[in-house]
Protein backbone atom coordinates (compact mmCIF):
# COMPACT_ATOMS: atom_id res chain seq x y z
CA PRO A 1 -26.11 -76.51 -97.08
CA ARG A 2 -22.49 -75.48 -97.47
CA LYS A 3 -21.73 -71.97 -98.67
CA ILE A 4 -18.85 -70.54 -100.70
CA LEU A 5 -17.05 -67.38 -99.61
CA VAL A 6 -14.99 -65.77 -102.39
CA VAL A 7 -12.30 -63.37 -101.18
CA HIS A 8 -10.44 -61.21 -103.71
CA GLN A 9 -6.78 -60.70 -102.80
CA PHE A 10 -3.91 -59.06 -104.69
CA LEU A 11 -1.60 -57.89 -101.86
CA SER A 12 -0.30 -59.97 -98.96
CA ILE A 13 -1.06 -57.15 -96.49
CA MET A 14 -4.77 -57.21 -97.40
CA ILE A 15 -5.57 -60.24 -95.27
CA PRO A 16 -2.97 -61.09 -92.60
CA ASP A 17 -2.62 -64.80 -91.78
CA GLU A 18 -3.88 -64.32 -88.22
CA LYS A 19 -7.22 -63.03 -89.58
CA PHE A 20 -8.08 -66.36 -91.22
CA ARG A 21 -10.44 -68.55 -89.21
CA PRO A 22 -12.17 -71.69 -90.48
CA VAL A 23 -15.95 -71.42 -90.47
CA PRO A 24 -18.05 -74.57 -90.39
CA GLU A 25 -20.05 -75.16 -93.57
CA VAL A 26 -18.16 -72.43 -95.49
CA ASP A 27 -15.68 -73.20 -98.28
CA LEU A 28 -13.10 -70.44 -98.66
CA VAL A 29 -12.00 -69.45 -102.16
CA ILE A 30 -9.18 -66.91 -102.40
CA ASP A 31 -9.38 -65.35 -105.83
CA CYS A 32 -6.05 -64.07 -107.12
CA ASP A 33 -7.19 -60.58 -108.08
CA GLY A 34 -5.03 -57.97 -109.78
CA TRP A 35 -3.95 -57.32 -113.34
CA GLY A 36 -0.73 -57.67 -115.27
CA PRO A 37 1.34 -59.94 -117.49
CA PRO A 38 1.01 -63.74 -117.17
CA GLN A 39 4.19 -64.15 -115.09
CA ALA A 40 2.93 -61.70 -112.46
CA LYS A 41 -0.57 -63.20 -112.45
CA LEU A 42 0.78 -66.71 -111.96
CA ALA A 43 3.13 -65.60 -109.16
CA ASP A 44 0.17 -64.05 -107.32
CA TYR A 45 -1.93 -67.14 -108.06
CA SER A 46 0.72 -69.33 -106.41
CA GLN A 47 0.99 -67.04 -103.40
CA PHE A 48 -2.70 -66.42 -102.70
CA SER A 49 -4.87 -69.03 -104.41
CA LEU A 50 -2.57 -71.96 -103.67
CA GLY A 51 -1.72 -70.71 -100.19
CA PRO A 52 -2.60 -72.46 -96.94
CA HIS A 53 -5.94 -70.70 -96.42
CA SER A 54 -7.58 -71.18 -99.81
CA GLU A 55 -9.58 -74.37 -100.10
CA PHE A 56 -10.12 -73.97 -103.85
CA PRO A 57 -7.72 -72.18 -106.23
CA ALA A 58 -9.20 -69.25 -108.16
CA ILE A 59 -8.04 -66.47 -110.47
CA LYS A 60 -9.52 -63.28 -111.89
CA LEU A 61 -8.66 -62.29 -115.46
CA PHE A 62 -9.11 -58.83 -116.96
CA PHE A 63 -9.93 -58.64 -120.66
CA ASP A 64 -8.56 -55.10 -121.03
CA TRP A 65 -5.66 -55.05 -118.55
CA ASP A 66 -4.03 -58.50 -118.70
CA THR A 67 -1.64 -58.49 -121.65
CA PRO A 68 -1.57 -61.08 -122.99
CA LEU A 69 -4.68 -62.60 -121.47
CA LEU A 70 -4.21 -66.11 -120.10
CA THR A 71 -6.38 -68.56 -122.04
CA PRO A 72 -8.45 -71.43 -120.63
CA ILE A 73 -5.85 -73.79 -122.11
CA ASP A 74 -3.06 -71.91 -120.29
CA LEU A 75 -4.95 -72.30 -117.03
CA MET A 76 -5.74 -75.98 -117.50
CA ARG A 77 -2.06 -76.72 -118.18
CA LEU A 78 -1.06 -75.46 -114.73
CA SER A 79 0.03 -78.05 -112.16
CA TYR A 80 -2.92 -76.90 -110.03
CA PRO A 81 -5.52 -75.39 -112.37
CA PRO A 82 -8.08 -73.03 -110.86
CA LYS A 83 -11.46 -74.38 -109.82
CA TYR A 84 -13.02 -70.92 -110.16
CA VAL A 85 -12.27 -68.29 -112.83
CA VAL A 86 -13.67 -64.75 -112.94
CA TYR A 87 -13.51 -62.62 -116.07
CA GLN A 88 -13.92 -58.85 -116.02
C-alpha cells in the first residue's frame, strides 16, 4: 500500500531542490512549519506546501505562537486549502 511521508519545512535552505527524488508508492507532503502572523504563515505555505515537490498541501499551526491563529474557515477559503493540518 502507498505510504505518506510528511516533511516539515520552514526555511528554503532546509531541503535544497536537488535533494528531492520521487519514490514509488510514497506520497510526499511538505508541511509548512514555523510560527508567526497569518501573512507570514501563508507566504511560507505558498512557497513550501504549494511548491513543485509537495504532492499535498499542508500547514502546521501553533496555538501559543501564531497570533492570531488561522481558523479552519480561513484555511478552507484559500485558493488551495491544505489537505493536511497539524496543530501544536
